[in-house]
């Protein structure tokens, strides 16, 4: 059985505002993903207040070049970001103060079929865990 949602949490030794600002920038997720995906951030559109409203990504999977547009469906400054991909997955970042630092939560959800393909052919959860470790290292290094 495929889980309905993939849930990841990492503690970061930095204030929530710093962690949120870092996680809300799509360039950081793209840079933290495995080189084998050949991911490139394309156009980034911003709302009048300056936050990201959508962005495009080019990547390679199963030997084929792909393109996705992410729409920022929810933006709660300092709390949560929800990005919906034109390919189906929904990514949610959230931050909460925790023991002098911040708990950064990353959830992703997709159709059952897409998650089944990922479980057999991909490594989405491992890749997200690795990306969050990169986030942690880079945010803490900025302190």
Protein backbone atom coordinates (compact mmCIF):
# COMPACT_ATOMS: atom_id res chain seq x y z
CA UNK A 1 0.00 0.00 0.00
CA UNK A 2 1.28 3.49 -0.87
CA UNK A 3 1.12 6.14 1.86
CA UNK A 4 -1.29 9.00 1.29
CA UNK A 5 1.35 11.61 2.10
CA UNK A 6 5.11 11.67 2.52
CA UNK A 7 6.16 13.53 5.65
CA UNK A 8 9.68 14.71 6.54
CA UNK A 9 10.89 16.82 9.47
CA UNK A 10 14.34 18.16 10.25
CA UNK A 11 15.56 20.36 13.08
CA UNK A 12 17.57 23.41 12.07
CA UNK A 13 19.64 25.47 14.47
CA UNK A 14 18.42 28.83 13.18
CA UNK A 15 15.47 31.17 13.75
CA UNK A 16 12.17 30.27 12.01
CA UNK A 17 12.24 33.43 9.85
CA UNK A 18 15.63 32.49 8.39
CA UNK A 19 14.56 28.87 7.76
CA UNK A 20 11.29 29.99 6.15
CA UNK A 21 12.99 32.49 3.85
CA UNK A 22 15.44 29.84 2.69
CA UNK A 23 12.81 27.11 2.16
CA UNK A 24 10.42 29.46 0.34
CA UNK A 25 13.00 30.12 -2.39
CA UNK A 26 12.53 27.42 -5.07
CA UNK A 27 16.15 27.81 -6.19
CA UNK A 28 17.28 26.11 -2.98
CA UNK A 29 15.19 22.96 -3.54
CA UNK A 30 16.34 22.70 -7.15
CA UNK A 31 19.99 23.11 -6.13
CA UNK A 32 19.65 20.48 -3.39
CA UNK A 33 18.23 17.73 -5.62
CA UNK A 34 20.49 15.00 -7.06
CA UNK A 35 22.60 15.93 -10.07
CA UNK A 36 21.17 12.93 -11.92
CA UNK A 37 17.86 14.83 -12.30
CA UNK A 38 19.61 17.59 -14.27
CA UNK A 39 17.21 20.10 -12.67
CA UNK A 40 17.20 23.71 -13.78
CA UNK A 41 15.06 26.51 -12.43
CA UNK A 42 13.43 28.47 -15.22
CA UNK A 43 11.19 31.51 -14.97
CA UNK A 44 10.19 32.69 -11.50
CA UNK A 45 7.11 34.93 -11.28
CA UNK A 46 6.55 37.08 -8.23
CA UNK A 47 3.45 38.64 -6.70
CA UNK A 48 3.27 42.38 -6.04
CA UNK A 49 4.54 41.87 -2.49
CA UNK A 50 7.63 40.07 -3.84
CA UNK A 51 6.89 36.48 -2.86
CA UNK A 52 7.10 33.73 -5.48
CA UNK A 53 3.77 33.05 -7.19
CA UNK A 54 4.95 30.44 -9.73
CA UNK A 55 8.09 28.95 -11.24
CA UNK A 56 9.13 26.52 -13.93
CA UNK A 57 11.54 23.63 -13.65
CA UNK A 58 13.23 21.49 -16.29
CA UNK A 59 14.51 18.07 -15.27
CA UNK A 60 15.25 14.60 -16.52
CA UNK A 61 13.51 11.44 -15.33
CA UNK A 62 13.57 7.94 -16.78
CA UNK A 63 15.88 9.27 -19.49
CA UNK A 64 13.39 11.87 -20.72
CA UNK A 65 13.52 15.64 -20.48
CA UNK A 66 10.53 17.06 -18.55
CA UNK A 67 9.09 20.45 -17.77
CA UNK A 68 6.85 21.41 -14.83
CA UNK A 69 5.21 24.61 -13.70
CA UNK A 70 4.73 25.07 -9.96
CA UNK A 71 1.97 27.34 -8.74
CA UNK A 72 2.27 28.69 -5.23
CA UNK A 73 -1.21 27.89 -3.94
CA UNK A 74 -0.63 29.09 -0.40
CA UNK A 75 1.85 31.51 1.10
CA UNK A 76 1.61 32.25 4.83
CA UNK A 77 4.70 34.34 5.60
CA UNK A 78 6.84 32.77 8.28
CA UNK A 79 4.64 29.67 8.48
CA UNK A 80 3.82 27.68 5.36
CA UNK A 81 4.21 27.44 1.59
CA UNK A 82 2.22 25.10 -0.66
CA UNK A 83 3.42 24.55 -4.26
CA UNK A 84 1.37 22.54 -6.77
CA UNK A 85 3.18 21.06 -9.78
CA UNK A 86 1.59 20.80 -13.20
CA UNK A 87 2.87 17.20 -13.09
CA UNK A 88 0.68 16.43 -10.07
CA UNK A 89 2.71 16.51 -6.85
CA UNK A 90 1.97 19.05 -4.14
CA UNK A 91 4.87 20.20 -1.92
CA UNK A 92 4.26 21.82 1.47
CA UNK A 93 6.95 23.51 3.60
CA UNK A 94 6.18 24.60 7.15
CA UNK A 95 8.28 25.98 9.99
CA UNK A 96 7.72 26.00 13.76
CA UNK A 97 9.94 27.21 16.58
CA UNK A 98 11.46 24.26 18.42
CA UNK A 99 13.95 24.14 21.32
CA UNK A 100 15.86 27.28 20.36
CA UNK A 101 15.79 26.42 16.65
CA UNK A 102 13.24 25.49 14.03
CA UNK A 103 11.44 22.37 12.92
CA UNK A 104 11.24 22.41 9.12
CA UNK A 105 8.52 20.13 7.77
CA UNK A 106 8.34 19.06 4.13
CA UNK A 107 5.33 17.07 2.92
CA UNK A 108 4.70 15.90 -0.59
CA UNK A 109 1.67 14.20 -1.98
CA UNK A 110 0.70 12.91 -5.41
CA UNK A 111 -1.62 10.45 -7.06
CA UNK A 112 -1.39 6.83 -5.94
CA UNK A 113 -0.03 5.87 -9.37
CA UNK A 114 2.69 8.51 -9.27
CA UNK A 115 3.72 7.47 -5.74
CA UNK A 116 3.79 3.81 -6.80
CA UNK A 117 6.08 4.67 -9.73
CA UNK A 118 8.26 6.69 -7.37
CA UNK A 119 8.47 3.80 -4.90
CA UNK A 120 9.61 1.40 -7.63
CA UNK A 121 11.57 3.60 -10.04
CA UNK A 122 12.40 6.76 -8.14
CA UNK A 123 13.81 7.74 -4.83
CA UNK A 124 11.65 10.72 -3.88
CA UNK A 125 11.72 10.24 -0.12
CA UNK A 126 15.48 9.66 -0.01
CA UNK A 127 16.02 12.65 -2.28
CA UNK A 128 13.86 14.85 -0.03
CA UNK A 129 15.74 13.68 3.08
CA UNK A 130 19.05 14.50 1.37
CA UNK A 131 17.72 17.90 0.24
CA UNK A 132 16.61 18.72 3.80
CA UNK A 133 20.06 17.79 5.11
CA UNK A 134 21.49 20.22 2.54
CA UNK A 135 19.02 22.90 3.69
CA UNK A 136 20.09 22.33 7.31
CA UNK A 137 23.81 22.57 6.50
CA UNK A 138 23.45 25.69 4.37
CA UNK A 139 21.08 27.56 6.71
CA UNK A 140 23.20 26.79 9.76
CA UNK A 141 26.35 27.89 7.89
CA UNK A 142 24.73 31.31 7.25
CA UNK A 143 24.28 31.92 10.99
